[in-house]
Amino acid sequence: MRVGLITYPDTLFPITSTLLELESLEISYSVYANDDEISSDVNLKCCFAYHLHFFSIKRKYAHYLNQVFDLKSELLDLLRSLLKILMYKSVRINLKRAIARCRNISKNHIDAWTDSAFQENGFLMVLEDDAEVNNFERGLKSVRMILQHFPASTRTRVFLDLSNSYSLSDLGIEELVDYTIFDKISSNEVVILKKPATNTLCAVLFSAEILQDILVYMNDIGYKHAYSGVPIDWILNGWMSRELQDVGPMLAIHFKPGLFSQLSMK
């Protein structure tokens, strides 16, 4: 298992303590801290593309989760957003900054996925720099124990939500619950879902085979969304919405509560 640490130069959450803990446990890791010039060309067209791509993904993801999508209300919100871009310079400036930041964060995640996608029988745990990892060793033991609980045939396609950012009810995915088991190490419930759903990407574990599927989607359409500044968790929602209507054998798990808290949400 490898760990990919996602950060950026001006972060409010330095990853120094996380690095020390990973090194003490002799865990293989890589740090992704992109801050290049891919953000220098954010223009008015990008601002429009951001809202249009986001609208499209939200509609498809609601369908994927069998949730109601109020088309009239969402279209009105979209129109208001586009009009604000045209009318207010401050809105354009703030949105351009947000797009630039999301582009860089997305690139870090995609680089981490790419580096681990072709490890044989491998897993990648992605931790953003605001993941609280005071009990990382215990969390790692929980993940390994849970993976061993399931047959090898289901461990090739794995999506484990490890973040404590939002609850199942917050995410509106309570109907996706298949069954629940108990993790004796973390004293958490381990919720097995009928199909995967994202929390945030603060802390998540992927199998290499799932990463390969995601990268195919990225090459097809996902990079367009990333370039327009759609947050990386919503790009993943887009992948689920298009590719996972019939998921086949797959292990999708949500820890309740999550193993790692998200410091930026405290």
C-alpha atoms as a PDB file:
ATOM      1  CA  MET A   1       0.000   0.000   0.000  1.00  0.00           C
ATOM      2  CA  ARG A   2       1.242   3.458  -0.919  1.00  0.00           C
ATOM      3  CA  VAL A   3       0.173   6.813   0.493  1.00  0.00           C
ATOM      4  CA  GLY A   4      -0.186   9.905  -1.658  1.00  0.00           C
ATOM      5  CA  LEU A   5      -0.074  13.188   0.276  1.00  0.00           C
ATOM      6  CA  ILE A   6      -1.826  16.084  -1.446  1.00  0.00           C
ATOM      7  CA  THR A   7      -0.725  19.589  -0.480  1.00  0.00           C
ATOM      8  CA  TYR A   8       0.280  22.964  -1.926  1.00  0.00           C
ATOM      9  CA  PRO A   9       2.879  25.595  -0.978  1.00  0.00           C
ATOM     10  CA  ASP A  10       0.688  28.059   0.977  1.00  0.00           C
ATOM     11  CA  THR A  11      -1.361  25.477   2.855  1.00  0.00           C
ATOM     12  CA  LEU A  12      -2.659  26.194   6.346  1.00  0.00           C
ATOM     13  CA  PHE A  13      -2.043  22.543   7.249  1.00  0.00           C
ATOM     14  CA  PRO A  14       1.646  21.574   6.970  1.00  0.00           C
ATOM     15  CA  ILE A  15       2.176  17.842   6.497  1.00  0.00           C
ATOM     16  CA  THR A  16       5.409  17.604   8.529  1.00  0.00           C
ATOM     17  CA  SER A  17       3.899  15.519  11.349  1.00  0.00           C
ATOM     18  CA  THR A  18       2.225  13.220   8.842  1.00  0.00           C
ATOM     19  CA  LEU A  19       5.526  12.630   7.068  1.00  0.00           C
ATOM     20  CA  LEU A  20       7.235  11.773  10.345  1.00  0.00           C
ATOM     21  CA  GLU A  21       4.540   9.262  11.223  1.00  0.00           C
ATOM     22  CA  LEU A  22       4.670   7.598   7.801  1.00  0.00           C
ATOM     23  CA  GLU A  23       8.437   7.363   7.994  1.00  0.00           C
ATOM     24  CA  SER A  24       8.318   5.874  11.487  1.00  0.00           C
ATOM     25  CA  LEU A  25       5.922   3.181  10.220  1.00  0.00           C
ATOM     26  CA  GLU A  26       8.067   2.653   7.103  1.00  0.00           C
ATOM     27  CA  ILE A  27       5.126   3.379   4.812  1.00  0.00           C
ATOM     28  CA  SER A  28       5.869   4.092   1.154  1.00  0.00           C
ATOM     29  CA  TYR A  29       4.587   7.569   0.291  1.00  0.00           C
ATOM     30  CA  SER A  30       4.860  10.390  -2.228  1.00  0.00           C
ATOM     31  CA  VAL A  31       4.121  14.103  -1.790  1.00  0.00           C
ATOM     32  CA  TYR A  32       2.215  15.953  -4.506  1.00  0.00           C
ATOM     33  CA  ALA A  33       2.464  19.747  -4.225  1.00  0.00           C
ATOM     34  CA  ASN A  34       1.872  21.195  -7.671  1.00  0.00           C
ATOM     35  CA  ASP A  35       1.911  24.985  -8.016  1.00  0.00           C
ATOM     36  CA  ASP A  36       2.830  25.509 -11.663  1.00  0.00           C
ATOM     37  CA  GLU A  37       1.555  27.896 -14.312  1.00  0.00           C
ATOM     38  CA  ILE A  38      -1.432  25.852 -15.488  1.00  0.00           C
ATOM     39  CA  SER A  39      -3.560  28.509 -13.766  1.00  0.00           C
ATOM     40  CA  SER A  40      -2.233  31.537 -15.621  1.00  0.00           C
ATOM     41  CA  ASP A  41      -4.782  31.378 -18.453  1.00  0.00           C
ATOM     42  CA  VAL A  42      -8.023  31.364 -16.436  1.00  0.00           C
ATOM     43  CA  ASN A  43     -10.323  33.619 -18.439  1.00  0.00           C
ATOM     44  CA  LEU A  44     -14.017  34.421 -18.869  1.00  0.00           C
ATOM     45  CA  LYS A  45     -14.544  31.321 -21.007  1.00  0.00           C
ATOM     46  CA  CYS A  46     -13.155  29.166 -18.180  1.00  0.00           C
ATOM     47  CA  CYS A  47     -15.544  30.774 -15.702  1.00  0.00           C
ATOM     48  CA  PHE A  48     -18.530  29.883 -17.878  1.00  0.00           C
ATOM     49  CA  ALA A  49     -17.200  26.370 -18.511  1.00  0.00           C
ATOM     50  CA  TYR A  50     -16.814  25.821 -14.761  1.00  0.00           C
ATOM     51  CA  HIS A  51     -20.512  26.420 -14.076  1.00  0.00           C
ATOM     52  CA  LEU A  52     -21.712  24.489 -17.132  1.00  0.00           C
ATOM     53  CA  HIS A  53     -19.571  21.412 -16.380  1.00  0.00           C
ATOM     54  CA  PHE A  54     -20.527  21.535 -12.688  1.00  0.00           C
ATOM     55  CA  PHE A  55     -24.233  21.699 -13.588  1.00  0.00           C
ATOM     56  CA  SER A  56     -23.907  18.689 -15.906  1.00  0.00           C
ATOM     57  CA  ILE A  57     -22.119  16.547 -13.303  1.00  0.00           C
ATOM     58  CA  LYS A  58     -24.574  17.470 -10.519  1.00  0.00           C
ATOM     59  CA  ARG A  59     -27.511  16.416 -12.707  1.00  0.00           C
ATOM     60  CA  LYS A  60     -25.934  13.066 -13.637  1.00  0.00           C
ATOM     61  CA  TYR A  61     -24.805  12.339 -10.075  1.00  0.00           C
ATOM     62  CA  ALA A  62     -28.301  12.952  -8.720  1.00  0.00           C
ATOM     63  CA  HIS A  63     -29.584  10.407 -11.244  1.00  0.00           C
ATOM     64  CA  TYR A  64     -26.828   7.963 -10.231  1.00  0.00           C
ATOM     65  CA  LEU A  65     -27.936   8.231  -6.570  1.00  0.00           C
ATOM     66  CA  ASN A  66     -31.644   8.102  -7.514  1.00  0.00           C
ATOM     67  CA  GLN A  67     -32.096  11.538  -5.972  1.00  0.00           C
ATOM     68  CA  VAL A  68     -34.450  14.283  -7.124  1.00  0.00           C
ATOM     69  CA  PHE A  69     -32.811  16.934  -9.301  1.00  0.00           C
ATOM     70  CA  ASP A  70     -34.929  20.088  -9.425  1.00  0.00           C
ATOM     71  CA  LEU A  71     -34.132  21.052 -13.000  1.00  0.00           C
ATOM     72  CA  LYS A  72     -36.004  24.361 -12.934  1.00  0.00           C
ATOM     73  CA  SER A  73     -34.362  25.527  -9.697  1.00  0.00           C
ATOM     74  CA  GLU A  74     -30.903  24.367 -10.787  1.00  0.00           C
ATOM     75  CA  LEU A  75     -31.230  26.093 -14.162  1.00  0.00           C
ATOM     76  CA  LEU A  76     -32.225  29.333 -12.436  1.00  0.00           C
ATOM     77  CA  ASP A  77     -29.193  29.063 -10.142  1.00  0.00           C
ATOM     78  CA  LEU A  78     -26.997  28.423 -13.170  1.00  0.00           C
ATOM     79  CA  LEU A  79     -28.382  31.464 -14.970  1.00  0.00           C
ATOM     80  CA  ARG A  80     -27.858  33.671 -11.906  1.00  0.00           C
ATOM     81  CA  SER A  81     -24.267  32.483 -11.599  1.00  0.00           C
ATOM     82  CA  LEU A  82     -23.516  33.192 -15.262  1.00  0.00           C
ATOM     83  CA  LEU A  83     -25.088  36.643 -15.033  1.00  0.00           C
ATOM     84  CA  LYS A  84     -23.034  37.487 -11.928  1.00  0.00           C
ATOM     85  CA  ILE A  85     -19.863  36.628 -13.841  1.00  0.00           C
ATOM     86  CA  LEU A  86     -20.816  39.133 -16.529  1.00  0.00           C
ATOM     87  CA  MET A  87     -21.982  41.834 -14.132  1.00  0.00           C
ATOM     88  CA  TYR A  88     -19.448  41.839 -11.296  1.00  0.00           C
ATOM     89  CA  LYS A  89     -15.699  42.028 -11.596  1.00  0.00           C
ATOM     90  CA  SER A  90     -15.221  40.833  -8.005  1.00  0.00           C
ATOM     91  CA  VAL A  91     -17.147  37.636  -8.804  1.00  0.00           C
ATOM     92  CA  ARG A  92     -14.900  36.990 -11.808  1.00  0.00           C
ATOM     93  CA  ILE A  93     -11.737  37.589  -9.768  1.00  0.00           C
ATOM     94  CA  ASN A  94     -12.803  35.277  -6.929  1.00  0.00           C
ATOM     95  CA  LEU A  95     -13.949  32.553  -9.301  1.00  0.00           C
ATOM     96  CA  LYS A  96     -10.693  32.716 -11.278  1.00  0.00           C
ATOM     97  CA  ARG A  97      -8.751  32.235  -8.042  1.00  0.00           C
ATOM     98  CA  ALA A  98     -10.942  29.282  -7.074  1.00  0.00           C
ATOM     99  CA  ILE A  99     -10.528  27.707 -10.512  1.00  0.00           C
ATOM    100  CA  ALA A 100      -6.759  28.128 -10.356  1.00  0.00           C
ATOM    101  CA  ARG A 101      -6.594  26.475  -6.936  1.00  0.00           C
ATOM    102  CA  CYS A 102      -8.860  23.589  -7.960  1.00  0.00           C
ATOM    103  CA  ARG A 103      -6.804  22.989 -11.103  1.00  0.00           C
ATOM    104  CA  ASN A 104      -3.654  22.556  -9.073  1.00  0.00           C
ATOM    105  CA  ILE A 105      -5.311  20.332  -6.458  1.00  0.00           C
ATOM    106  CA  SER A 106      -6.829  18.183  -9.210  1.00  0.00           C
ATOM    107  CA  LYS A 107      -3.455  17.794 -10.893  1.00  0.00           C
ATOM    108  CA  ASN A 108      -1.960  16.566  -7.606  1.00  0.00           C
ATOM    109  CA  HIS A 109      -4.681  13.931  -7.212  1.00  0.00           C
ATOM    110  CA  ILE A 110      -4.390  12.816 -10.839  1.00  0.00           C
ATOM    111  CA  ASP A 111      -0.603  12.539 -10.539  1.00  0.00           C
ATOM    112  CA  ALA A 112      -1.036  10.368  -7.437  1.00  0.00           C
ATOM    113  CA  TRP A 113      -3.574   8.159  -9.239  1.00  0.00           C
ATOM    114  CA  THR A 114      -1.308   7.819 -12.266  1.00  0.00           C
ATOM    115  CA  ASP A 115       1.709   6.800 -10.177  1.00  0.00           C
ATOM    116  CA  SER A 116      -0.214   3.969  -8.483  1.00  0.00           C
ATOM    117  CA  ALA A 117      -2.642   2.769 -11.147  1.00  0.00           C
ATOM    118  CA  PHE A 118      -0.461  -0.029 -12.476  1.00  0.00           C
ATOM    119  CA  GLN A 119       0.873  -1.526  -9.265  1.00  0.00           C
ATOM    120  CA  GLU A 120       0.047  -5.205  -9.280  1.00  0.00           C
ATOM    121  CA  ASN A 121      -2.570  -5.900  -6.584  1.00  0.00           C
ATOM    122  CA  GLY A 122      -1.762  -2.459  -5.195  1.00  0.00           C
ATOM    123  CA  PHE A 123      -3.680   0.103  -3.180  1.00  0.00           C
ATOM    124  CA  LEU A 124      -3.322   3.871  -2.890  1.00  0.00           C
ATOM    125  CA  MET A 125      -4.421   5.792   0.186  1.00  0.00           C
ATOM    126  CA  VAL A 126      -4.837   9.471  -0.665  1.00  0.00           C
ATOM    127  CA  LEU A 127      -4.598  11.951   2.212  1.00  0.00           C
ATOM    128  CA  GLU A 128      -5.051  15.665   1.702  1.00  0.00           C
ATOM    129  CA  ASP A 129      -2.986  17.907   3.959  1.00  0.00           C
ATOM    130  CA  ASP A 130      -5.960  18.719   6.215  1.00  0.00           C
ATOM    131  CA  ALA A 131      -6.518  15.056   7.107  1.00  0.00           C
ATOM    132  CA  GLU A 132      -5.991  14.581  10.836  1.00  0.00           C
ATOM    133  CA  VAL A 133      -3.775  11.510  11.199  1.00  0.00           C
ATOM    134  CA  ASN A 134      -3.017  11.397  14.933  1.00  0.00           C
ATOM    135  CA  ASN A 135      -4.089   7.745  14.958  1.00  0.00           C
ATOM    136  CA  PHE A 136      -2.757   6.812  11.543  1.00  0.00           C
ATOM    137  CA  GLU A 137      -1.300   3.484  12.655  1.00  0.00           C
ATOM    138  CA  ARG A 138      -4.621   2.377  14.124  1.00  0.00           C
ATOM    139  CA  GLY A 139      -6.441   3.565  11.010  1.00  0.00           C
ATOM    140  CA  LEU A 140      -4.045   1.625   8.800  1.00  0.00           C
ATOM    141  CA  LYS A 141      -4.620  -1.543  10.846  1.00  0.00           C
ATOM    142  CA  SER A 142      -8.387  -1.069  10.467  1.00  0.00           C
ATOM    143  CA  VAL A 143      -8.106  -0.720   6.702  1.00  0.00           C
ATOM    144  CA  ARG A 144      -5.945  -3.828   6.371  1.00  0.00           C
ATOM    145  CA  MET A 145      -8.211  -5.876   8.608  1.00  0.00           C
ATOM    146  CA  ILE A 146     -11.331  -4.842   6.694  1.00  0.00           C
ATOM    147  CA  LEU A 147      -9.737  -5.679   3.359  1.00  0.00           C
ATOM    148  CA  GLN A 148      -8.786  -9.125   4.630  1.00  0.00           C
ATOM    149  CA  HIS A 149     -12.378  -9.668   5.769  1.00  0.00           C
ATOM    150  CA  PHE A 150     -13.550  -9.922   2.150  1.00  0.00           C
ATOM    151  CA  PRO A 151     -12.743 -12.535  -0.523  1.00  0.00           C
ATOM    152  CA  ALA A 152      -9.792 -11.765  -2.776  1.00  0.00           C
ATOM    153  CA  SER A 153     -12.121 -11.621  -5.800  1.00  0.00           C
ATOM    154  CA  THR A 154     -13.799  -8.477  -4.392  1.00  0.00           C
ATOM    155  CA  ARG A 155     -10.548  -6.784  -3.379  1.00  0.00           C
ATOM    156  CA  THR A 156      -9.486  -5.930  -6.941  1.00  0.00           C
ATOM    157  CA  ARG A 157     -12.074  -3.159  -7.258  1.00  0.00           C
ATOM    158  CA  VAL A 158     -12.067  -1.214  -3.996  1.00  0.00           C
ATOM    159  CA  PHE A 159     -13.238   2.265  -2.988  1.00  0.00           C
ATOM    160  CA  LEU A 160     -12.932   3.006   0.746  1.00  0.00           C
ATOM    161  CA  ASP A 161     -14.153   6.336   2.101  1.00  0.00           C
ATOM    162  CA  LEU A 162     -11.973   7.032   5.157  1.00  0.00           C
ATOM    163  CA  SER A 163     -12.963  10.655   5.760  1.00  0.00           C
ATOM    164  CA  ASN A 164     -15.112  11.896   8.621  1.00  0.00           C
ATOM    165  CA  SER A 165     -16.103  15.013   6.667  1.00  0.00           C
ATOM    166  CA  TYR A 166     -19.801  14.216   6.127  1.00  0.00           C
ATOM    167  CA  SER A 167     -22.208  11.587   7.436  1.00  0.00           C
ATOM    168  CA  LEU A 168     -24.315   9.281   5.278  1.00  0.00           C
ATOM    169  CA  SER A 169     -27.372  11.460   5.907  1.00  0.00           C
ATOM    170  CA  ASP A 170     -25.429  14.623   5.010  1.00  0.00           C
ATOM    171  CA  LEU A 171     -24.504  12.995   1.706  1.00  0.00           C
ATOM    172  CA  GLY A 172     -28.017  11.710   1.110  1.00  0.00           C
ATOM    173  CA  ILE A 173     -26.817   8.146   0.535  1.00  0.00           C
ATOM    174  CA  GLU A 174     -28.481   6.247   3.382  1.00  0.00           C
ATOM    175  CA  GLU A 175     -30.453   4.203   0.831  1.00  0.00           C
ATOM    176  CA  LEU A 176     -27.187   2.886  -0.606  1.00  0.00           C
ATOM    177  CA  VAL A 177     -26.390   0.991   2.612  1.00  0.00           C
ATOM    178  CA  ASP A 178     -26.245  -2.764   2.001  1.00  0.00           C
ATOM    179  CA  TYR A 179     -25.149  -3.977   5.444  1.00  0.00           C
ATOM    180  CA  THR A 180     -22.896  -3.010   8.363  1.00  0.00           C
ATOM    181  CA  ILE A 181     -20.110  -4.779  10.245  1.00  0.00           C
ATOM    182  CA  PHE A 182     -18.129  -3.694  13.301  1.00  0.00           C
ATOM    183  CA  ASP A 183     -14.422  -2.817  13.309  1.00  0.00           C
ATOM    184  CA  LYS A 184     -12.941  -3.918  16.650  1.00  0.00           C
ATOM    185  CA  ILE A 185      -9.747  -1.907  16.120  1.00  0.00           C
ATOM    186  CA  SER A 186     -11.288   1.538  15.589  1.00  0.00           C
ATOM    187  CA  SER A 187     -14.629   0.756  17.295  1.00  0.00           C
ATOM    188  CA  ASN A 188     -16.293   2.189  14.187  1.00  0.00           C
ATOM    189  CA  GLU A 189     -19.078   0.822  12.069  1.00  0.00           C
ATOM    190  CA  VAL A 190     -18.005  -0.310   8.610  1.00  0.00           C
ATOM    191  CA  VAL A 191     -20.841   0.399   6.199  1.00  0.00           C
ATOM    192  CA  ILE A 192     -20.849  -1.616   2.979  1.00  0.00           C
ATOM    193  CA  LEU A 193     -22.561   0.326   0.202  1.00  0.00           C
ATOM    194  CA  LYS A 194     -24.378  -1.075  -2.810  1.00  0.00           C
ATOM    195  CA  LYS A 195     -22.291   1.235  -4.985  1.00  0.00           C
ATOM    196  CA  PRO A 196     -19.645   3.867  -4.221  1.00  0.00           C
ATOM    197  CA  ALA A 197     -20.350   7.477  -3.361  1.00  0.00           C
ATOM    198  CA  THR A 198     -17.854  10.201  -2.532  1.00  0.00           C
ATOM    199  CA  ASN A 199     -17.566  12.068   0.729  1.00  0.00           C
ATOM    200  CA  THR A 200     -14.723  14.479   0.237  1.00  0.00           C
ATOM    201  CA  LEU A 201     -11.370  13.241  -1.064  1.00  0.00           C
ATOM    202  CA  CYS A 202      -9.676  14.228   2.194  1.00  0.00           C
ATOM    203  CA  ALA A 203      -8.990  10.555   2.931  1.00  0.00           C
ATOM    204  CA  VAL A 204      -9.827   7.721   0.553  1.00  0.00           C
ATOM    205  CA  LEU A 205      -8.351   4.385  -0.522  1.00  0.00           C
ATOM    206  CA  PHE A 206      -8.420   3.086  -4.094  1.00  0.00           C
ATOM    207  CA  SER A 207      -7.382  -0.226  -5.586  1.00  0.00           C
ATOM    208  CA  ALA A 208      -5.123  -0.036  -8.638  1.00  0.00           C
ATOM    209  CA  GLU A 209      -7.836  -1.439 -10.898  1.00  0.00           C
ATOM    210  CA  ILE A 210     -10.257   1.322  -9.898  1.00  0.00           C
ATOM    211  CA  LEU A 211      -7.558   3.915 -10.581  1.00  0.00           C
ATOM    212  CA  GLN A 212      -7.124   2.505 -14.073  1.00  0.00           C
ATOM    213  CA  ASP A 213     -10.869   2.924 -14.686  1.00  0.00           C
ATOM    214  CA  ILE A 214     -10.750   6.510 -13.409  1.00  0.00           C
ATOM    215  CA  LEU A 215      -7.822   7.394 -15.661  1.00  0.00           C
ATOM    216  CA  VAL A 216      -9.692   6.093 -18.725  1.00  0.00           C
ATOM    217  CA  TYR A 217     -12.526   8.460 -17.804  1.00  0.00           C
ATOM    218  CA  MET A 218     -10.066  11.304 -17.245  1.00  0.00           C
ATOM    219  CA  ASN A 219      -8.550  10.834 -20.687  1.00  0.00           C
ATOM    220  CA  ASP A 220     -12.004  10.802 -22.240  1.00  0.00           C
ATOM    221  CA  ILE A 221     -13.691  13.746 -20.553  1.00  0.00           C
ATOM    222  CA  GLY A 222     -12.431  14.242 -16.995  1.00  0.00           C
ATOM    223  CA  TYR A 223      -9.478  16.437 -17.951  1.00  0.00           C
ATOM    224  CA  LYS A 224     -11.903  18.927 -19.512  1.00  0.00           C
ATOM    225  CA  HIS A 225     -13.717  19.158 -16.204  1.00  0.00           C
ATOM    226  CA  ALA A 226     -10.471  19.485 -14.243  1.00  0.00           C
ATOM    227  CA  TYR A 227      -9.242  22.231 -16.565  1.00  0.00           C
ATOM    228  CA  SER A 228     -12.479  24.170 -16.049  1.00  0.00           C
ATOM    229  CA  GLY A 229     -11.885  24.073 -12.284  1.00  0.00           C
ATOM    230  CA  VAL A 230     -14.534  21.578 -11.172  1.00  0.00           C
ATOM    231  CA  PRO A 231     -13.357  20.236  -7.769  1.00  0.00           C
ATOM    232  CA  ILE A 232     -11.732  16.824  -7.953  1.00  0.00           C
ATOM    233  CA  ASP A 233     -14.351  15.127  -5.746  1.00  0.00           C
ATOM    234  CA  TRP A 234     -17.054  16.212  -8.190  1.00  0.00           C
ATOM    235  CA  ILE A 235     -14.986  14.971 -11.114  1.00  0.00           C
ATOM    236  CA  LEU A 236     -14.981  11.608  -9.358  1.00  0.00           C
ATOM    237  CA  ASN A 237     -18.758  11.907  -9.022  1.00  0.00           C
ATOM    238  CA  GLY A 238     -18.855  12.388 -12.787  1.00  0.00           C
ATOM    239  CA  TRP A 239     -16.877   9.177 -13.259  1.00  0.00           C
ATOM    240  CA  MET A 240     -19.249   7.256 -11.006  1.00  0.00           C
ATOM    241  CA  SER A 241     -22.289   8.686 -12.763  1.00  0.00           C
ATOM    242  CA  ARG A 242     -21.117   7.636 -16.205  1.00  0.00           C
ATOM    243  CA  GLU A 243     -19.139   4.471 -15.606  1.00  0.00           C
ATOM    244  CA  LEU A 244     -20.696   2.761 -12.606  1.00  0.00           C
ATOM    245  CA  GLN A 245     -24.366   2.252 -13.381  1.00  0.00           C
ATOM    246  CA  ASP A 246     -23.557  -1.470 -13.515  1.00  0.00           C
ATOM    247  CA  VAL A 247     -20.527  -1.737 -11.275  1.00  0.00           C
ATOM    248  CA  GLY A 248     -20.141  -5.523 -11.195  1.00  0.00           C
ATOM    249  CA  PRO A 249     -18.142  -6.951  -8.274  1.00  0.00           C
ATOM    250  CA  MET A 250     -16.913  -4.005  -6.249  1.00  0.00           C
ATOM    251  CA  LEU A 251     -16.196  -3.223  -2.621  1.00  0.00           C
ATOM    252  CA  ALA A 252     -17.495   0.206  -1.603  1.00  0.00           C
ATOM    253  CA  ILE A 253     -17.098   1.086   2.081  1.00  0.00           C
ATOM    254  CA  HIS A 254     -17.861   4.065   4.296  1.00  0.00           C
ATOM    255  CA  PHE A 255     -16.440   4.138   7.839  1.00  0.00           C
ATOM    256  CA  LYS A 256     -18.879   5.513  10.427  1.00  0.00           C
ATOM    257  CA  PRO A 257     -17.469   7.697  11.802  1.00  0.00           C
ATOM    258  CA  GLY A 258     -14.641   8.179   9.365  1.00  0.00           C
ATOM    259  CA  LEU A 259     -11.133   7.147  10.403  1.00  0.00           C
ATOM    260  CA  PHE A 260      -9.627  10.578   9.648  1.00  0.00           C
ATOM    261  CA  SER A 261     -11.185  13.959  10.468  1.00  0.00           C
ATOM    262  CA  GLN A 262     -10.874  16.911   8.096  1.00  0.00           C
ATOM    263  CA  LEU A 263      -9.202  19.778   9.944  1.00  0.00           C
ATOM    264  CA  SER A 264     -10.447  22.462   7.549  1.00  0.00           C
ATOM    265  CA  MET A 265     -14.048  21.567   8.452  1.00  0.00           C
ATOM    266  CA  LYS A 266     -13.611  21.856  12.239  1.00  0.00           C
END
